[in-house]
Protein backbone atom coordinates (compact mmCIF):
# COMPACT_ATOMS: atom_id res chain seq x y z
CA UNK A 1 -1.05 18.62 -22.98
CA UNK A 2 -3.60 19.55 -20.45
CA UNK A 3 -2.97 19.69 -16.75
CA UNK A 4 -5.68 17.01 -16.20
CA UNK A 5 -4.13 14.77 -18.80
CA UNK A 6 -0.58 15.33 -17.30
CA UNK A 7 -1.93 14.63 -13.86
CA UNK A 8 -3.80 11.41 -15.15
CA UNK A 9 -0.52 10.15 -16.70
CA UNK A 10 1.49 10.77 -13.44
CA UNK A 11 -1.07 9.00 -11.36
CA UNK A 12 -1.22 6.04 -13.83
CA UNK A 13 2.58 5.69 -13.94
CA UNK A 14 2.76 5.89 -10.23
CA UNK A 15 0.15 3.18 -9.93
CA UNK A 16 2.10 0.93 -12.21
CA UNK A 17 5.17 1.26 -10.00
CA UNK A 18 3.24 0.43 -6.87
CA UNK A 19 0.88 -2.35 -8.23
CA UNK A 20 3.89 -4.15 -9.93
CA UNK A 21 5.22 -5.07 -6.44
CA UNK A 22 4.51 -8.53 -4.89
CA UNK A 23 1.62 -9.10 -2.47
CA UNK A 24 1.64 -6.49 0.26
CA UNK A 25 1.23 -7.04 4.04
CA UNK A 26 -1.12 -4.41 5.47
CA UNK A 27 -0.04 -3.41 8.94
CA UNK A 28 -2.33 -4.27 11.78
CA UNK A 29 -3.45 -1.08 13.68
CA UNK A 30 -5.38 -0.78 16.88
CA UNK A 31 -7.14 2.02 18.74
CA UNK A 32 -4.65 3.72 21.11
CA UNK A 33 -1.59 3.00 18.96
CA UNK A 34 0.87 5.84 18.38
CA UNK A 35 1.79 5.85 14.75
CA UNK A 36 3.63 7.95 11.98
CA UNK A 37 2.59 9.30 8.70
CA UNK A 38 4.66 7.57 6.04
CA UNK A 39 3.25 9.53 3.19
CA UNK A 40 4.51 13.02 2.11
CA UNK A 41 1.00 14.39 2.22
CA UNK A 42 -1.90 12.57 3.99
CA UNK A 43 -5.36 14.31 3.59
CA UNK A 44 -7.42 14.69 6.74
CA UNK A 45 -11.09 14.12 6.02
CA UNK A 46 -14.16 15.22 7.97
CA UNK A 47 -15.73 11.72 7.53
CA UNK A 48 -14.25 8.23 6.91
CA UNK A 49 -14.54 8.63 3.21
CA UNK A 50 -12.14 9.81 0.56
CA UNK A 51 -15.10 11.57 -1.02
CA UNK A 52 -15.46 13.99 1.85
CA UNK A 53 -13.79 17.38 1.71
CA UNK A 54 -10.29 17.44 3.11
CA UNK A 55 -9.84 19.91 6.05
CA UNK A 56 -6.00 19.66 6.10
CA UNK A 57 -3.05 17.38 5.77
CA UNK A 58 -0.45 15.42 7.71
CA UNK A 59 3.14 15.61 6.59
CA UNK A 60 5.69 12.91 6.48
CA UNK A 61 6.88 11.65 9.82
CA UNK A 62 3.96 13.41 11.83
CA UNK A 63 3.17 11.34 14.94
CA UNK A 64 -0.38 10.72 15.85
CA UNK A 65 -2.48 8.60 18.21
CA UNK A 66 -5.26 6.47 16.83
CA UNK A 67 -8.55 7.19 18.54
CA UNK A 68 -10.73 4.69 16.52
CA UNK A 69 -10.95 2.77 13.40
CA UNK A 70 -13.51 2.65 10.59
CA UNK A 71 -14.17 0.71 7.43
CA UNK A 72 -13.40 -2.87 8.42
CA UNK A 73 -12.49 -5.38 5.67
CA UNK A 74 -10.86 -8.74 5.39
CA UNK A 75 -7.30 -9.17 3.96
CA UNK A 76 -7.20 -10.69 0.41
CA UNK A 77 -5.85 -14.19 0.21
CA UNK A 78 -2.67 -12.85 -1.48
CA UNK A 79 -1.76 -11.24 1.91
CA UNK A 80 0.41 -13.44 4.18
CA UNK A 81 -1.87 -12.32 7.16
CA UNK A 82 -5.18 -13.30 5.40
CA UNK A 83 -7.49 -15.74 6.87
CA UNK A 84 -6.52 -18.38 4.33
CA UNK A 85 -2.79 -17.92 4.87
CA UNK A 86 -3.08 -17.93 8.68
CA UNK A 87 -5.14 -21.19 8.64
CA UNK A 88 -2.63 -22.83 6.39
CA UNK A 89 0.21 -21.79 8.58
CA UNK A 90 -1.69 -23.31 11.61
CA UNK A 91 -2.32 -26.61 9.62
CA UNK A 92 1.40 -26.87 8.91
CA UNK A 93 2.23 -26.26 12.55
CA UNK A 94 0.01 -29.15 13.43
CA UNK A 95 1.72 -31.37 10.94
CA UNK A 96 4.97 -30.44 12.67
CA UNK A 97 3.67 -31.75 15.99
CA UNK A 98 3.18 -28.13 17.21
CA UNK A 99 0.07 -26.85 18.95
CA UNK A 100 -1.91 -24.98 16.37
CA UNK A 101 -3.53 -21.67 17.51
CA UNK A 102 -7.07 -20.56 16.67
CA UNK A 103 -7.19 -18.00 13.96
CA UNK A 104 -9.02 -14.97 15.28
CA UNK A 105 -10.95 -12.45 13.15
CA UNK A 106 -8.83 -9.56 14.43
CA UNK A 107 -5.83 -11.27 12.96
CA UNK A 108 -7.07 -11.04 9.36
CA UNK A 109 -9.10 -7.87 9.24
CA UNK A 110 -7.89 -4.30 8.70
CA UNK A 111 -9.56 -0.95 8.49
CA UNK A 112 -9.61 1.72 5.80
CA UNK A 113 -9.63 4.87 8.10
CA UNK A 114 -8.33 5.91 11.43
CA UNK A 115 -10.04 8.54 13.54
CA UNK A 116 -7.37 11.11 14.92
CA UNK A 117 -9.76 13.59 16.35
CA UNK A 118 -13.26 15.01 16.35
CA UNK A 119 -14.47 14.78 12.70
CA UNK A 120 -10.86 14.06 11.63
CA UNK A 121 -10.09 10.92 9.68
CA UNK A 122 -7.06 9.73 7.64
CA UNK A 123 -6.34 6.75 5.36
CA UNK A 124 -4.63 3.84 7.18
CA UNK A 125 -2.62 3.08 4.10
CA UNK A 126 -0.28 6.03 4.98
CA UNK A 127 0.21 4.90 8.62
CA UNK A 128 2.93 2.69 10.01
CA UNK A 129 4.13 1.93 13.55
CA UNK A 130 7.15 3.58 15.08
CA UNK A 131 9.14 0.42 14.63
CA UNK A 132 8.36 0.23 10.94
CA UNK A 133 8.70 4.00 10.24
CA UNK A 134 12.47 3.58 10.33
CA UNK A 135 12.09 1.44 7.13
CA UNK A 136 10.23 4.30 5.26
CA UNK A 137 13.30 5.79 3.51
CA UNK A 138 14.33 5.75 -0.13
CA UNK A 139 17.68 4.23 0.87
CA UNK A 140 16.10 1.35 2.69
CA UNK A 141 13.67 0.73 -0.14
CA UNK A 142 16.56 0.75 -2.57
CA UNK A 143 18.32 -1.89 -0.61
CA UNK A 144 15.19 -4.12 -0.68
CA UNK A 145 14.62 -3.74 -4.42
CA UNK A 146 18.35 -4.31 -5.05
CA UNK A 147 18.16 -7.51 -3.08
CA UNK A 148 15.33 -8.78 -5.24
CA UNK A 149 17.05 -7.63 -8.39
CA UNK A 150 20.29 -9.34 -7.65
CA UNK A 151 18.71 -12.63 -6.53
CA UNK A 152 19.62 -12.27 -2.83
CA UNK A 153 15.98 -12.34 -1.95
CA UNK A 154 14.77 -13.80 -5.21
CA UNK A 155 11.41 -15.52 -5.62
CA UNK A 156 11.18 -19.08 -6.70
CA UNK A 157 10.87 -18.21 -10.42
CA UNK A 158 13.93 -15.97 -10.57
CA UNK A 159 16.57 -17.48 -12.76
CA UNK A 160 19.02 -14.88 -13.82
CA UNK A 161 20.79 -13.00 -11.01
CA UNK A 162 22.40 -10.63 -13.35
CA UNK A 163 19.19 -9.49 -15.13
CA UNK A 164 17.04 -9.36 -11.95
CA UNK A 165 13.56 -10.71 -11.24
CA UNK A 166 11.17 -11.76 -13.95
CA UNK A 167 8.83 -8.98 -15.30
CA UNK A 168 6.66 -10.67 -18.05
CA UNK A 169 5.61 -13.84 -19.45
CA UNK A 170 4.37 -14.25 -23.11
CA UNK A 171 1.80 -16.98 -23.58
CA UNK A 172 1.33 -20.17 -21.66
CA UNK A 173 4.76 -21.42 -22.70
CA UNK A 174 6.39 -18.14 -23.61
CA UNK A 175 9.61 -16.80 -22.43
CA UNK A 176 10.27 -14.31 -19.76
CA UNK A 177 12.73 -11.44 -19.74
CA UNK A 178 14.47 -9.97 -16.67
CA UNK A 179 14.90 -6.33 -15.93
CA UNK A 180 16.97 -4.25 -13.60
CA UNK A 181 15.27 -1.85 -11.21
CA UNK A 182 15.41 1.86 -12.31
CA UNK A 183 15.51 3.77 -9.08
CA UNK A 184 15.81 7.18 -10.50
CA UNK A 185 12.71 6.63 -12.68
CA UNK A 186 10.70 5.26 -9.78
CA UNK A 187 11.69 8.22 -7.44
CA UNK A 188 10.77 10.72 -10.13
CA UNK A 189 7.45 9.22 -10.71
CA UNK A 190 6.75 9.04 -6.96
CA UNK A 191 7.80 12.65 -6.54
CA UNK A 192 5.66 13.95 -9.46
CA UNK A 193 2.60 12.08 -8.18
CA UNK A 194 2.70 13.72 -4.78
CA UNK A 195 -0.24 16.12 -4.41
CA UNK A 196 -1.52 15.45 -7.98
CA UNK A 197 -4.89 14.22 -6.92
CA UNK A 198 -7.26 17.20 -6.49
CA UNK A 199 -10.74 16.73 -4.96
CA UNK A 200 -11.97 19.74 -6.68
CA UNK A 201 -10.50 18.84 -10.01
CA UNK A 202 -12.26 15.71 -10.30
CA UNK A 203 -15.55 16.76 -8.92
CA UNK A 204 -17.16 17.49 -12.29
CA UNK A 205 -16.02 14.06 -13.51
CA UNK A 206 -17.76 12.30 -10.50
CA UNK A 207 -20.77 14.39 -10.91
CA UNK A 208 -21.09 13.69 -14.66
CA UNK A 209 -20.59 9.96 -14.02
CA UNK A 210 -22.73 9.72 -10.95
CA UNK A 211 -19.84 8.55 -8.81
CA UNK A 212 -18.79 9.01 -5.19
CA UNK A 213 -20.96 11.50 -3.38
CA UNK A 214 -23.06 11.92 -6.52
CA UNK A 215 -24.49 8.30 -6.59
């Protein structure tokens, strides 16, 4: 099997592990915040674009100060800090005789890149606050997944505490089968995926397809 194919499989498997999780809450960051890198390797780009050539990397746990933010976007409705979710929360507050607050744009927008120096940008997806950094451990992640799998933090459609959370539904009236978390497999896939993506490796692919910087 070629290195490219092997790398592609690793990335695909890693994506399945991450994308199979429930809706995510993207942390709100501001200029001036002191944050930590929560990824094993975080590329530093010369421009706020993943298609610019990396000039270096941050390591897990590195502390940096955000100088500015780039690439504003609105959170999707699936995020509990989205505009839709926040407005629903305030409507519910009004129904409970509480004073609703105005939903401000800064509450439901986030940014794709953080500036950390002159011509130095990193993806905000790898940044967390000091407070949340303590949660970025395998042990803590396993505790959270185990809570879901055991039903202690189950969703409304979880039925079988021994089998774990539901993982598939077959058809409109089909059955669903539970599955237990495989921590060793997840850890292995995550470890194998670290550093797999290569800017140079995929340059020919982007060039041939007219993608990224070759549009």
